[in-house]
Amino acid sequence: MTEQSKHPAYIWWNGKYVAWDDATVHVTELGWSTVGAVFEGIRAYANPSSDQDVVIFRLQEHLARLKKSMALVRLRLDYSLPELTEIIVELLRMNEVREDTYIRPLAYTANVAGKRFSEVGGEAGLLINTSRMPSHLKTGVTQTAAVSSWRRISDEVMPPRIKNLSNYRNGQLASMEARAHGYDIGLLLNTGGTVAEAPGACVMFVADGKLITPHVTSSILESITRDALMVLAREVLGLEVIERAVDRTELYLADEVFTCGTAAEITPITEIDKYQIGDGRQGTISRDLEHAFHAVLRGQDPRYRHWSTPVHAAASVLA
């Protein structure tokens, strides 16, 4: 990938591979075009055991969620999932991606210039771009957190289960509040007063040897990473996994707490509202889960190879 740390050589935009410098829009297309936009955060990981190939993690699941997200905000998807798979694989190949990379398909409302805000909607544009994003797994990174005074949006206000761009303002407010008070991240409760999620990440915790996480009706994103970690916890670590409503004080008393998501991967939380979690370091269960997850992401665990889409090995097949 040419100067991938700055930007890729190509993006894919509305049916064409376009050079970075040629992908421009008029200023009047900005703003309200993205209010109803939905997106996916997808990651590709270098697989050093496969001739320096990269593998995309759970690409099919991400594209299926994109399709659902677009349907819920009434944007039409004009491409099949196999077509989008080929488009993304070819984009990474054209950009010569050989390192850990973030992939973001963004579906937005097209042709909004000159329209009243109440008229905006219906016609969709689709952009796919990539950027370098090294993994932080196995680096020892941890976070401190505070329970936010902001509440997570609820299903009767906006659909929290999808990756609607507007939803993320909710989490941004919580993040800014937390950082202003000296914490790394905020944790959002839902309108029922139980734990929802962190900004851009789901929450999991360990208590009495069980892995516990808020259920999908707790105003959380239906996270693909969260789902994968529940599978690995059960099948690899042999843990009991429980989805249920979670009180904030359960987090204070937990043995381990961590966030998870495409960007977050697995990030341990060592302190919440000045309560030390466990011994103030990453716990053994989240560490074991992190190691199992790392092997899966890099395509090195044959049991979960169906979650990996190779890029360069697939190029000749796609051609």
C-alpha atoms as a PDB file:
ATOM      1  CA  MET A   1       0.000   0.000   0.000  1.00  0.00           C
ATOM      2  CA  THR A   2       1.503   3.317  -1.060  1.00  0.00           C
ATOM      3  CA  GLU A   3       2.016   5.637   1.921  1.00  0.00           C
ATOM      4  CA  GLN A   4      -0.617   3.650   3.816  1.00  0.00           C
ATOM      5  CA  SER A   5       0.165   5.520   7.030  1.00  0.00           C
ATOM      6  CA  LYS A   6      -1.163   8.691   5.304  1.00  0.00           C
ATOM      7  CA  HIS A   7      -3.726   7.300   2.908  1.00  0.00           C
ATOM      8  CA  PRO A   8      -4.177   4.393   0.481  1.00  0.00           C
ATOM      9  CA  ALA A   9      -3.587   4.724  -3.248  1.00  0.00           C
ATOM     10  CA  TYR A  10      -7.197   3.802  -4.077  1.00  0.00           C
ATOM     11  CA  ILE A  11     -10.665   3.804  -2.611  1.00  0.00           C
ATOM     12  CA  TRP A  12     -13.809   2.215  -4.027  1.00  0.00           C
ATOM     13  CA  TRP A  13     -16.634   4.678  -4.615  1.00  0.00           C
ATOM     14  CA  ASN A  14     -20.024   4.052  -6.218  1.00  0.00           C
ATOM     15  CA  GLY A  15     -18.933   1.289  -8.557  1.00  0.00           C
ATOM     16  CA  LYS A  16     -15.382   2.373  -9.382  1.00  0.00           C
ATOM     17  CA  TYR A  17     -11.874   2.122  -8.000  1.00  0.00           C
ATOM     18  CA  VAL A  18     -10.817   5.751  -7.691  1.00  0.00           C
ATOM     19  CA  ALA A  19      -7.391   7.273  -7.004  1.00  0.00           C
ATOM     20  CA  TRP A  20      -7.303   8.986  -3.613  1.00  0.00           C
ATOM     21  CA  ASP A  21      -6.793  12.499  -4.980  1.00  0.00           C
ATOM     22  CA  ASP A  22      -9.668  12.107  -7.442  1.00  0.00           C
ATOM     23  CA  ALA A  23     -12.280  11.165  -4.806  1.00  0.00           C
ATOM     24  CA  THR A  24     -13.839  14.579  -4.192  1.00  0.00           C
ATOM     25  CA  VAL A  25     -17.349  15.932  -3.619  1.00  0.00           C
ATOM     26  CA  HIS A  26     -18.809  19.429  -3.600  1.00  0.00           C
ATOM     27  CA  VAL A  27     -19.011  21.093  -0.185  1.00  0.00           C
ATOM     28  CA  THR A  28     -22.826  21.276  -0.416  1.00  0.00           C
ATOM     29  CA  GLU A  29     -22.969  17.473  -0.321  1.00  0.00           C
ATOM     30  CA  LEU A  30     -21.538  17.420   3.214  1.00  0.00           C
ATOM     31  CA  GLY A  31     -23.378  17.399   6.534  1.00  0.00           C
ATOM     32  CA  TRP A  32     -26.886  16.037   6.193  1.00  0.00           C
ATOM     33  CA  SER A  33     -25.756  13.359   3.759  1.00  0.00           C
ATOM     34  CA  THR A  34     -24.174  11.521   6.699  1.00  0.00           C
ATOM     35  CA  VAL A  35     -26.962  11.866   9.283  1.00  0.00           C
ATOM     36  CA  GLY A  36     -28.537   8.622   8.126  1.00  0.00           C
ATOM     37  CA  ALA A  37     -25.248   7.046   7.060  1.00  0.00           C
ATOM     38  CA  VAL A  38     -24.327   3.575   8.233  1.00  0.00           C
ATOM     39  CA  PHE A  39     -20.944   1.918   8.110  1.00  0.00           C
ATOM     40  CA  GLU A  40     -18.922  -1.133   8.998  1.00  0.00           C
ATOM     41  CA  GLY A  41     -15.592  -1.338  10.778  1.00  0.00           C
ATOM     42  CA  ILE A  42     -13.767  -4.386   9.410  1.00  0.00           C
ATOM     43  CA  ARG A  43     -10.175  -5.434  10.026  1.00  0.00           C
ATOM     44  CA  ALA A  44      -7.622  -7.352   8.040  1.00  0.00           C
ATOM     45  CA  TYR A  45      -4.647  -8.883   9.839  1.00  0.00           C
ATOM     46  CA  ALA A  46      -1.234  -9.920   8.615  1.00  0.00           C
ATOM     47  CA  ASN A  47      -0.789 -13.695   8.639  1.00  0.00           C
ATOM     48  CA  PRO A  48       2.981 -14.262   8.836  1.00  0.00           C
ATOM     49  CA  SER A  49       2.585 -18.019   8.435  1.00  0.00           C
ATOM     50  CA  SER A  50       0.920 -17.620   5.018  1.00  0.00           C
ATOM     51  CA  ASP A  51       3.564 -15.997   2.799  1.00  0.00           C
ATOM     52  CA  GLN A  52       2.822 -12.550   4.265  1.00  0.00           C
ATOM     53  CA  ASP A  53      -0.818 -12.664   3.219  1.00  0.00           C
ATOM     54  CA  VAL A  54      -3.481 -10.747   5.110  1.00  0.00           C
ATOM     55  CA  VAL A  55      -6.828 -12.169   6.172  1.00  0.00           C
ATOM     56  CA  ILE A  56     -10.061 -10.238   6.681  1.00  0.00           C
ATOM     57  CA  PHE A  57     -11.875 -11.159   9.897  1.00  0.00           C
ATOM     58  CA  ARG A  58     -15.519 -12.209   9.545  1.00  0.00           C
ATOM     59  CA  LEU A  59     -16.055 -10.268   6.341  1.00  0.00           C
ATOM     60  CA  GLN A  60     -19.342 -12.001   5.516  1.00  0.00           C
ATOM     61  CA  GLU A  61     -20.838 -11.212   8.908  1.00  0.00           C
ATOM     62  CA  HIS A  62     -19.826  -7.569   8.607  1.00  0.00           C
ATOM     63  CA  LEU A  63     -21.341  -7.236   5.146  1.00  0.00           C
ATOM     64  CA  ALA A  64     -24.547  -8.926   6.293  1.00  0.00           C
ATOM     65  CA  ARG A  65     -24.794  -6.381   9.115  1.00  0.00           C
ATOM     66  CA  LEU A  66     -24.180  -3.538   6.670  1.00  0.00           C
ATOM     67  CA  LYS A  67     -27.105  -4.783   4.588  1.00  0.00           C
ATOM     68  CA  LYS A  68     -29.347  -4.876   7.686  1.00  0.00           C
ATOM     69  CA  SER A  69     -28.197  -1.417   8.749  1.00  0.00           C
ATOM     70  CA  MET A  70     -28.988   0.025   5.335  1.00  0.00           C
ATOM     71  CA  ALA A  71     -32.425  -1.580   5.367  1.00  0.00           C
ATOM     72  CA  LEU A  72     -33.224  -0.107   8.773  1.00  0.00           C
ATOM     73  CA  VAL A  73     -32.354   3.459   7.690  1.00  0.00           C
ATOM     74  CA  ARG A  74     -34.108   2.922   4.337  1.00  0.00           C
ATOM     75  CA  LEU A  75     -31.073   3.030   2.062  1.00  0.00           C
ATOM     76  CA  ARG A  76     -31.019   0.591  -0.857  1.00  0.00           C
ATOM     77  CA  LEU A  77     -27.983  -1.661  -1.324  1.00  0.00           C
ATOM     78  CA  ASP A  78     -27.389  -2.185  -5.041  1.00  0.00           C
ATOM     79  CA  TYR A  79     -24.676  -4.835  -4.665  1.00  0.00           C
ATOM     80  CA  SER A  80     -24.841  -8.444  -3.559  1.00  0.00           C
ATOM     81  CA  LEU A  81     -22.690  -9.626  -0.660  1.00  0.00           C
ATOM     82  CA  PRO A  82     -20.491 -11.735  -2.987  1.00  0.00           C
ATOM     83  CA  GLU A  83     -19.965  -8.641  -5.147  1.00  0.00           C
ATOM     84  CA  LEU A  84     -18.956  -6.585  -2.120  1.00  0.00           C
ATOM     85  CA  THR A  85     -16.601  -9.351  -1.035  1.00  0.00           C
ATOM     86  CA  GLU A  86     -14.820  -9.237  -4.386  1.00  0.00           C
ATOM     87  CA  ILE A  87     -14.726  -5.438  -4.322  1.00  0.00           C
ATOM     88  CA  ILE A  88     -13.078  -5.323  -0.879  1.00  0.00           C
ATOM     89  CA  VAL A  89     -10.564  -8.079  -1.591  1.00  0.00           C
ATOM     90  CA  GLU A  90      -9.572  -6.395  -4.844  1.00  0.00           C
ATOM     91  CA  LEU A  91      -9.272  -3.009  -3.133  1.00  0.00           C
ATOM     92  CA  LEU A  92      -6.815  -4.401  -0.580  1.00  0.00           C
ATOM     93  CA  ARG A  93      -4.873  -6.105  -3.329  1.00  0.00           C
ATOM     94  CA  MET A  94      -4.689  -2.904  -5.411  1.00  0.00           C
ATOM     95  CA  ASN A  95      -3.465  -1.011  -2.345  1.00  0.00           C
ATOM     96  CA  GLU A  96      -0.837  -3.723  -1.755  1.00  0.00           C
ATOM     97  CA  VAL A  97      -2.008  -4.233   1.807  1.00  0.00           C
ATOM     98  CA  ARG A  98       0.369  -6.502   3.751  1.00  0.00           C
ATOM     99  CA  GLU A  99      -0.193  -5.143   7.252  1.00  0.00           C
ATOM    100  CA  ASP A 100      -2.947  -4.804   9.823  1.00  0.00           C
ATOM    101  CA  THR A 101      -5.592  -2.645   8.173  1.00  0.00           C
ATOM    102  CA  TYR A 102      -8.984  -1.115   8.897  1.00  0.00           C
ATOM    103  CA  ILE A 103     -11.674  -1.312   6.196  1.00  0.00           C
ATOM    104  CA  ARG A 104     -14.706   0.982   6.293  1.00  0.00           C
ATOM    105  CA  PRO A 105     -17.654   0.666   3.926  1.00  0.00           C
ATOM    106  CA  LEU A 106     -19.825   3.770   4.360  1.00  0.00           C
ATOM    107  CA  ALA A 107     -23.342   3.955   2.936  1.00  0.00           C
ATOM    108  CA  TYR A 108     -24.738   7.485   2.906  1.00  0.00           C
ATOM    109  CA  THR A 109     -27.582   9.523   1.457  1.00  0.00           C
ATOM    110  CA  ALA A 110     -26.593  10.742  -2.009  1.00  0.00           C
ATOM    111  CA  ASN A 111     -27.537  13.898  -3.903  1.00  0.00           C
ATOM    112  CA  VAL A 112     -28.571  16.088  -0.974  1.00  0.00           C
ATOM    113  CA  ALA A 113     -27.432  19.453  -2.395  1.00  0.00           C
ATOM    114  CA  GLY A 114     -30.261  21.968  -2.640  1.00  0.00           C
ATOM    115  CA  LYS A 115     -32.782  19.781  -0.801  1.00  0.00           C
ATOM    116  CA  ARG A 116     -34.600  20.644   2.415  1.00  0.00           C
ATOM    117  CA  PHE A 117     -33.448  18.547   5.345  1.00  0.00           C
ATOM    118  CA  SER A 118     -36.851  16.879   5.592  1.00  0.00           C
ATOM    119  CA  GLU A 119     -36.470  15.645   2.011  1.00  0.00           C
ATOM    120  CA  VAL A 120     -33.111  13.979   2.501  1.00  0.00           C
ATOM    121  CA  GLY A 121     -33.152  10.206   2.172  1.00  0.00           C
ATOM    122  CA  GLY A 122     -33.591   7.281  -0.162  1.00  0.00           C
ATOM    123  CA  GLU A 123     -30.800   7.345  -2.729  1.00  0.00           C
ATOM    124  CA  ALA A 124     -27.596   5.753  -1.455  1.00  0.00           C
ATOM    125  CA  GLY A 125     -23.942   6.296  -2.192  1.00  0.00           C
ATOM    126  CA  LEU A 126     -21.338   3.733  -1.113  1.00  0.00           C
ATOM    127  CA  LEU A 127     -17.723   4.417  -0.240  1.00  0.00           C
ATOM    128  CA  ILE A 128     -15.086   1.878   0.869  1.00  0.00           C
ATOM    129  CA  ASN A 129     -11.743   3.091   2.149  1.00  0.00           C
ATOM    130  CA  THR A 130      -8.854   1.558   4.081  1.00  0.00           C
ATOM    131  CA  SER A 131      -6.292   2.782   6.581  1.00  0.00           C
ATOM    132  CA  ARG A 132      -3.421   1.272   8.523  1.00  0.00           C
ATOM    133  CA  MET A 133      -4.426   0.087  12.021  1.00  0.00           C
ATOM    134  CA  PRO A 134      -1.883  -2.025  13.949  1.00  0.00           C
ATOM    135  CA  SER A 135      -3.298  -4.461  16.490  1.00  0.00           C
ATOM    136  CA  HIS A 136      -2.747  -3.687  20.161  1.00  0.00           C
ATOM    137  CA  LEU A 137      -3.377  -7.260  21.296  1.00  0.00           C
ATOM    138  CA  LYS A 138      -0.650  -8.662  23.549  1.00  0.00           C
ATOM    139  CA  THR A 139       0.878  -5.199  24.073  1.00  0.00           C
ATOM    140  CA  GLY A 140      -0.345  -4.749  27.660  1.00  0.00           C
ATOM    141  CA  VAL A 141      -2.530  -1.716  26.934  1.00  0.00           C
ATOM    142  CA  THR A 142      -5.246  -1.078  29.561  1.00  0.00           C
ATOM    143  CA  GLN A 143      -7.859   1.600  30.260  1.00  0.00           C
ATOM    144  CA  THR A 144      -9.545   3.396  33.140  1.00  0.00           C
ATOM    145  CA  ALA A 145     -13.251   4.143  32.898  1.00  0.00           C
ATOM    146  CA  ALA A 146     -16.040   6.187  34.424  1.00  0.00           C
ATOM    147  CA  VAL A 147     -19.769   5.615  34.236  1.00  0.00           C
ATOM    148  CA  SER A 148     -21.093   8.496  32.167  1.00  0.00           C
ATOM    149  CA  SER A 149     -23.880  10.864  33.090  1.00  0.00           C
ATOM    150  CA  TRP A 150     -25.089  10.499  29.496  1.00  0.00           C
ATOM    151  CA  ARG A 151     -27.456   7.604  28.769  1.00  0.00           C
ATOM    152  CA  ARG A 152     -27.193   5.263  25.802  1.00  0.00           C
ATOM    153  CA  ILE A 153     -29.771   5.886  23.068  1.00  0.00           C
ATOM    154  CA  SER A 154     -32.702   3.501  23.207  1.00  0.00           C
ATOM    155  CA  ASP A 155     -34.456   1.564  20.475  1.00  0.00           C
ATOM    156  CA  GLU A 156     -37.474   3.883  20.499  1.00  0.00           C
ATOM    157  CA  VAL A 157     -35.210   6.888  19.814  1.00  0.00           C
ATOM    158  CA  MET A 158     -32.641   5.577  17.312  1.00  0.00           C
ATOM    159  CA  PRO A 159     -31.633   1.993  16.485  1.00  0.00           C
ATOM    160  CA  PRO A 160     -28.610   1.237  18.723  1.00  0.00           C
ATOM    161  CA  ARG A 161     -28.138  -2.277  17.315  1.00  0.00           C
ATOM    162  CA  ILE A 162     -26.751  -0.987  13.979  1.00  0.00           C
ATOM    163  CA  LYS A 163     -23.722   1.130  13.063  1.00  0.00           C
ATOM    164  CA  ASN A 164     -25.580   4.330  12.252  1.00  0.00           C
ATOM    165  CA  LEU A 165     -23.106   7.224  12.100  1.00  0.00           C
ATOM    166  CA  SER A 166     -25.437   9.468  14.112  1.00  0.00           C
ATOM    167  CA  ASN A 167     -25.429   6.986  16.992  1.00  0.00           C
ATOM    168  CA  TYR A 168     -21.751   7.640  17.562  1.00  0.00           C
ATOM    169  CA  ARG A 169     -22.342  11.211  18.751  1.00  0.00           C
ATOM    170  CA  ASN A 170     -23.895   9.631  21.839  1.00  0.00           C
ATOM    171  CA  GLY A 171     -20.671   7.797  22.646  1.00  0.00           C
ATOM    172  CA  GLN A 172     -18.495  10.781  21.733  1.00  0.00           C
ATOM    173  CA  LEU A 173     -20.198  12.881  24.399  1.00  0.00           C
ATOM    174  CA  ALA A 174     -19.518  10.159  26.965  1.00  0.00           C
ATOM    175  CA  SER A 175     -15.879   9.938  25.871  1.00  0.00           C
ATOM    176  CA  MET A 176     -15.337  13.690  26.117  1.00  0.00           C
ATOM    177  CA  GLU A 177     -16.888  13.742  29.583  1.00  0.00           C
ATOM    178  CA  ALA A 178     -14.697  10.869  30.778  1.00  0.00           C
ATOM    179  CA  ARG A 179     -11.488  12.424  29.471  1.00  0.00           C
ATOM    180  CA  ALA A 180     -12.357  15.779  31.027  1.00  0.00           C
ATOM    181  CA  HIS A 181     -12.416  13.964  34.376  1.00  0.00           C
ATOM    182  CA  GLY A 182      -9.154  12.127  33.812  1.00  0.00           C
ATOM    183  CA  TYR A 183     -10.423   8.732  32.605  1.00  0.00           C
ATOM    184  CA  ASP A 184      -9.714   6.983  29.326  1.00  0.00           C
ATOM    185  CA  ILE A 185     -13.284   6.028  28.416  1.00  0.00           C
ATOM    186  CA  GLY A 186     -16.879   6.400  29.544  1.00  0.00           C
ATOM    187  CA  LEU A 187     -19.333   3.580  30.159  1.00  0.00           C
ATOM    188  CA  LEU A 188     -22.939   4.199  29.161  1.00  0.00           C
ATOM    189  CA  LEU A 189     -25.983   2.976  31.042  1.00  0.00           C
ATOM    190  CA  ASN A 190     -29.216   2.513  29.111  1.00  0.00           C
ATOM    191  CA  THR A 191     -32.520   4.216  29.906  1.00  0.00           C
ATOM    192  CA  GLY A 192     -33.359   1.332  32.245  1.00  0.00           C
ATOM    193  CA  GLY A 193     -30.287   2.108  34.329  1.00  0.00           C
ATOM    194  CA  THR A 194     -28.326  -1.035  33.488  1.00  0.00           C
ATOM    195  CA  VAL A 195     -25.015  -1.271  31.653  1.00  0.00           C
ATOM    196  CA  ALA A 196     -25.160  -0.815  27.874  1.00  0.00           C
ATOM    197  CA  GLU A 197     -21.718  -0.367  26.336  1.00  0.00           C
ATOM    198  CA  ALA A 198     -18.658   1.798  25.995  1.00  0.00           C
ATOM    199  CA  PRO A 199     -18.351   4.285  23.109  1.00  0.00           C
ATOM    200  CA  GLY A 200     -17.713   2.128  20.052  1.00  0.00           C
ATOM    201  CA  ALA A 201     -17.204  -1.054  22.065  1.00  0.00           C
ATOM    202  CA  CYS A 202     -19.133  -3.660  24.029  1.00  0.00           C
ATOM    203  CA  VAL A 203     -18.487  -4.544  27.663  1.00  0.00           C
ATOM    204  CA  MET A 204     -17.698  -7.953  29.138  1.00  0.00           C
ATOM    205  CA  PHE A 205     -16.705  -8.938  32.646  1.00  0.00           C
ATOM    206  CA  VAL A 206     -15.609 -12.007  34.587  1.00  0.00           C
ATOM    207  CA  ALA A 207     -17.152 -13.000  37.914  1.00  0.00           C
ATOM    208  CA  ASP A 208     -16.779 -16.372  39.655  1.00  0.00           C
ATOM    209  CA  GLY A 209     -15.156 -17.842  36.556  1.00  0.00           C
ATOM    210  CA  LYS A 210     -18.079 -16.905  34.265  1.00  0.00           C
ATOM    211  CA  LEU A 211     -17.998 -14.497  31.333  1.00  0.00           C
ATOM    212  CA  ILE A 212     -20.937 -12.081  31.533  1.00  0.00           C
ATOM    213  CA  THR A 213     -22.081  -9.422  29.065  1.00  0.00           C
ATOM    214  CA  PRO A 214     -25.194  -7.247  28.592  1.00  0.00           C
ATOM    215  CA  HIS A 215     -27.734  -8.896  26.296  1.00  0.00           C
ATOM    216  CA  VAL A 216     -28.532  -7.491  22.860  1.00  0.00           C
ATOM    217  CA  THR A 217     -31.709  -5.773  24.124  1.00  0.00           C
ATOM    218  CA  SER A 218     -29.647  -3.611  26.510  1.00  0.00           C
ATOM    219  CA  SER A 219     -29.284  -0.882  23.845  1.00  0.00           C
ATOM    220  CA  ILE A 220     -26.001  -2.259  22.527  1.00  0.00           C
ATOM    221  CA  LEU A 221     -24.589  -2.661  19.051  1.00  0.00           C
ATOM    222  CA  GLU A 222     -25.015  -6.231  17.841  1.00  0.00           C
ATOM    223  CA  SER A 223     -21.261  -6.651  17.857  1.00  0.00           C
ATOM    224  CA  ILE A 224     -19.537  -9.226  15.657  1.00  0.00           C
ATOM    225  CA  THR A 225     -16.444  -9.201  17.888  1.00  0.00           C
ATOM    226  CA  ARG A 226     -18.584  -9.737  20.993  1.00  0.00           C
ATOM    227  CA  ASP A 227     -20.213 -12.728  19.307  1.00  0.00           C
ATOM    228  CA  ALA A 228     -16.818 -14.183  18.333  1.00  0.00           C
ATOM    229  CA  LEU A 229     -15.468 -13.822  21.861  1.00  0.00           C
ATOM    230  CA  MET A 230     -18.488 -15.597  23.324  1.00  0.00           C
ATOM    231  CA  VAL A 231     -17.873 -18.480  20.920  1.00  0.00           C
ATOM    232  CA  LEU A 232     -14.171 -18.644  21.809  1.00  0.00           C
ATOM    233  CA  ALA A 233     -14.882 -18.397  25.535  1.00  0.00           C
ATOM    234  CA  ARG A 234     -17.192 -21.398  25.317  1.00  0.00           C
ATOM    235  CA  GLU A 235     -15.347 -23.538  22.773  1.00  0.00           C
ATOM    236  CA  VAL A 236     -11.699 -22.764  23.516  1.00  0.00           C
ATOM    237  CA  LEU A 237     -11.653 -21.773  27.191  1.00  0.00           C
ATOM    238  CA  GLY A 238     -14.615 -23.891  28.295  1.00  0.00           C
ATOM    239  CA  LEU A 239     -16.260 -20.994  30.133  1.00  0.00           C
ATOM    240  CA  GLU A 240     -19.895 -20.481  30.966  1.00  0.00           C
ATOM    241  CA  VAL A 241     -21.066 -17.384  29.061  1.00  0.00           C
ATOM    242  CA  ILE A 242     -24.086 -15.421  30.283  1.00  0.00           C
ATOM    243  CA  GLU A 243     -25.990 -12.658  28.479  1.00  0.00           C
ATOM    244  CA  ARG A 244     -28.252 -10.647  30.789  1.00  0.00           C
ATOM    245  CA  ALA A 245     -28.964  -7.221  32.246  1.00  0.00           C
ATOM    246  CA  VAL A 246     -25.936  -5.946  34.180  1.00  0.00           C
ATOM    247  CA  ASP A 247     -25.900  -3.478  37.094  1.00  0.00           C
ATOM    248  CA  ARG A 248     -23.094  -0.928  37.262  1.00  0.00           C
ATOM    249  CA  THR A 249     -22.024  -2.120  40.718  1.00  0.00           C
ATOM    250  CA  GLU A 250     -21.381  -5.583  39.291  1.00  0.00           C
ATOM    251  CA  LEU A 251     -18.576  -4.040  37.278  1.00  0.00           C
ATOM    252  CA  TYR A 252     -17.019  -2.505  40.414  1.00  0.00           C
ATOM    253  CA  LEU A 253     -16.908  -5.942  42.068  1.00  0.00           C
ATOM    254  CA  ALA A 254     -15.918  -7.968  39.002  1.00  0.00           C
ATOM    255  CA  ASP A 255     -12.709  -9.975  38.835  1.00  0.00           C
ATOM    256  CA  GLU A 256     -11.999  -8.662  35.323  1.00  0.00           C
ATOM    257  CA  VAL A 257     -13.633  -6.146  32.979  1.00  0.00           C
ATOM    258  CA  PHE A 258     -12.794  -5.430  29.361  1.00  0.00           C
ATOM    259  CA  THR A 259     -14.188  -3.767  26.274  1.00  0.00           C
ATOM    260  CA  CYS A 260     -14.324  -5.483  22.896  1.00  0.00           C
ATOM    261  CA  GLY A 261     -14.951  -4.495  19.312  1.00  0.00           C
ATOM    262  CA  THR A 262     -13.324  -4.182  15.912  1.00  0.00           C
ATOM    263  CA  ALA A 263     -11.147  -1.266  17.029  1.00  0.00           C
ATOM    264  CA  ALA A 264     -11.038  -2.169  20.726  1.00  0.00           C
ATOM    265  CA  GLU A 265     -10.241  -5.855  20.025  1.00  0.00           C
ATOM    266  CA  ILE A 266      -9.885  -6.817  23.719  1.00  0.00           C
ATOM    267  CA  THR A 267      -8.928  -3.913  26.000  1.00  0.00           C
ATOM    268  CA  PRO A 268      -8.815  -4.563  29.770  1.00  0.00           C
ATOM    269  CA  ILE A 269     -10.279  -1.990  32.158  1.00  0.00           C
ATOM    270  CA  THR A 270      -8.328  -1.751  35.410  1.00  0.00           C
ATOM    271  CA  GLU A 271     -10.360   0.923  37.202  1.00  0.00           C
ATOM    272  CA  ILE A 272     -13.965   2.187  37.076  1.00  0.00           C
ATOM    273  CA  ASP A 273     -15.037   5.295  39.021  1.00  0.00           C
ATOM    274  CA  LYS A 274     -11.868   4.895  41.142  1.00  0.00           C
ATOM    275  CA  TYR A 275     -12.789   1.310  42.028  1.00  0.00           C
ATOM    276  CA  GLN A 276      -9.859  -0.973  41.264  1.00  0.00           C
ATOM    277  CA  ILE A 277     -10.909  -3.960  39.189  1.00  0.00           C
ATOM    278  CA  GLY A 278      -9.367  -7.188  40.493  1.00  0.00           C
ATOM    279  CA  ASP A 279      -5.695  -6.584  41.245  1.00  0.00           C
ATOM    280  CA  GLY A 280      -5.535  -3.598  38.910  1.00  0.00           C
ATOM    281  CA  ARG A 281      -4.001  -5.531  36.018  1.00  0.00           C
ATOM    282  CA  GLN A 282      -5.252  -7.627  33.141  1.00  0.00           C
ATOM    283  CA  GLY A 283      -6.777 -10.836  34.474  1.00  0.00           C
ATOM    284  CA  THR A 284      -5.909 -14.378  33.471  1.00  0.00           C
ATOM    285  CA  ILE A 285      -9.190 -15.141  31.689  1.00  0.00           C
ATOM    286  CA  SER A 286      -9.103 -12.054  29.485  1.00  0.00           C
ATOM    287  CA  ARG A 287      -5.436 -12.767  28.771  1.00  0.00           C
ATOM    288  CA  ASP A 288      -6.213 -16.340  27.740  1.00  0.00           C
ATOM    289  CA  LEU A 289      -9.093 -15.080  25.595  1.00  0.00           C
ATOM    290  CA  GLU A 290      -6.809 -12.452  24.054  1.00  0.00           C
ATOM    291  CA  HIS A 291      -4.264 -15.091  23.018  1.00  0.00           C
ATOM    292  CA  ALA A 292      -6.979 -17.288  21.499  1.00  0.00           C
ATOM    293  CA  PHE A 293      -8.473 -14.300  19.686  1.00  0.00           C
ATOM    294  CA  HIS A 294      -5.062 -13.205  18.369  1.00  0.00           C
ATOM    295  CA  ALA A 295      -4.499 -16.605  16.745  1.00  0.00           C
ATOM    296  CA  VAL A 296      -7.954 -16.518  15.144  1.00  0.00           C
ATOM    297  CA  LEU A 297      -7.550 -12.977  13.794  1.00  0.00           C
ATOM    298  CA  ARG A 298      -4.295 -13.912  12.074  1.00  0.00           C
ATOM    299  CA  GLY A 299      -5.797 -17.028  10.520  1.00  0.00           C
ATOM    300  CA  GLN A 300      -3.597 -19.354  12.586  1.00  0.00           C
ATOM    301  CA  ASP A 301      -6.296 -21.400  14.310  1.00  0.00           C
ATOM    302  CA  PRO A 302      -7.628 -23.961  11.799  1.00  0.00           C
ATOM    303  CA  ARG A 303     -10.825 -24.429  13.809  1.00  0.00           C
ATOM    304  CA  TYR A 304     -11.970 -20.925  12.869  1.00  0.00           C
ATOM    305  CA  ARG A 305     -10.532 -20.570   9.401  1.00  0.00           C
ATOM    306  CA  HIS A 306     -14.059 -20.044   8.088  1.00  0.00           C
ATOM    307  CA  TRP A 307     -13.924 -16.617   9.773  1.00  0.00           C
ATOM    308  CA  SER A 308     -10.961 -15.556   7.613  1.00  0.00           C
ATOM    309  CA  THR A 309     -11.003 -14.270   4.036  1.00  0.00           C
ATOM    310  CA  PRO A 310      -7.490 -14.300   2.516  1.00  0.00           C
ATOM    311  CA  VAL A 311      -6.620 -11.352   0.296  1.00  0.00           C
ATOM    312  CA  HIS A 312      -3.622 -12.121  -1.881  1.00  0.00           C
ATOM    313  CA  ALA A 313      -4.195 -15.876  -1.989  1.00  0.00           C
ATOM    314  CA  ALA A 314      -7.721 -15.153  -3.224  1.00  0.00           C
ATOM    315  CA  ALA A 315      -6.699 -12.643  -5.896  1.00  0.00           C
ATOM    316  CA  SER A 316      -6.182 -15.175  -8.677  1.00  0.00           C
ATOM    317  CA  VAL A 317      -9.448 -16.912  -7.852  1.00  0.00           C
ATOM    318  CA  LEU A 318     -11.383 -13.639  -7.920  1.00  0.00           C
ATOM    319  CA  ALA A 319      -9.740 -12.624 -11.175  1.00  0.00           C
END
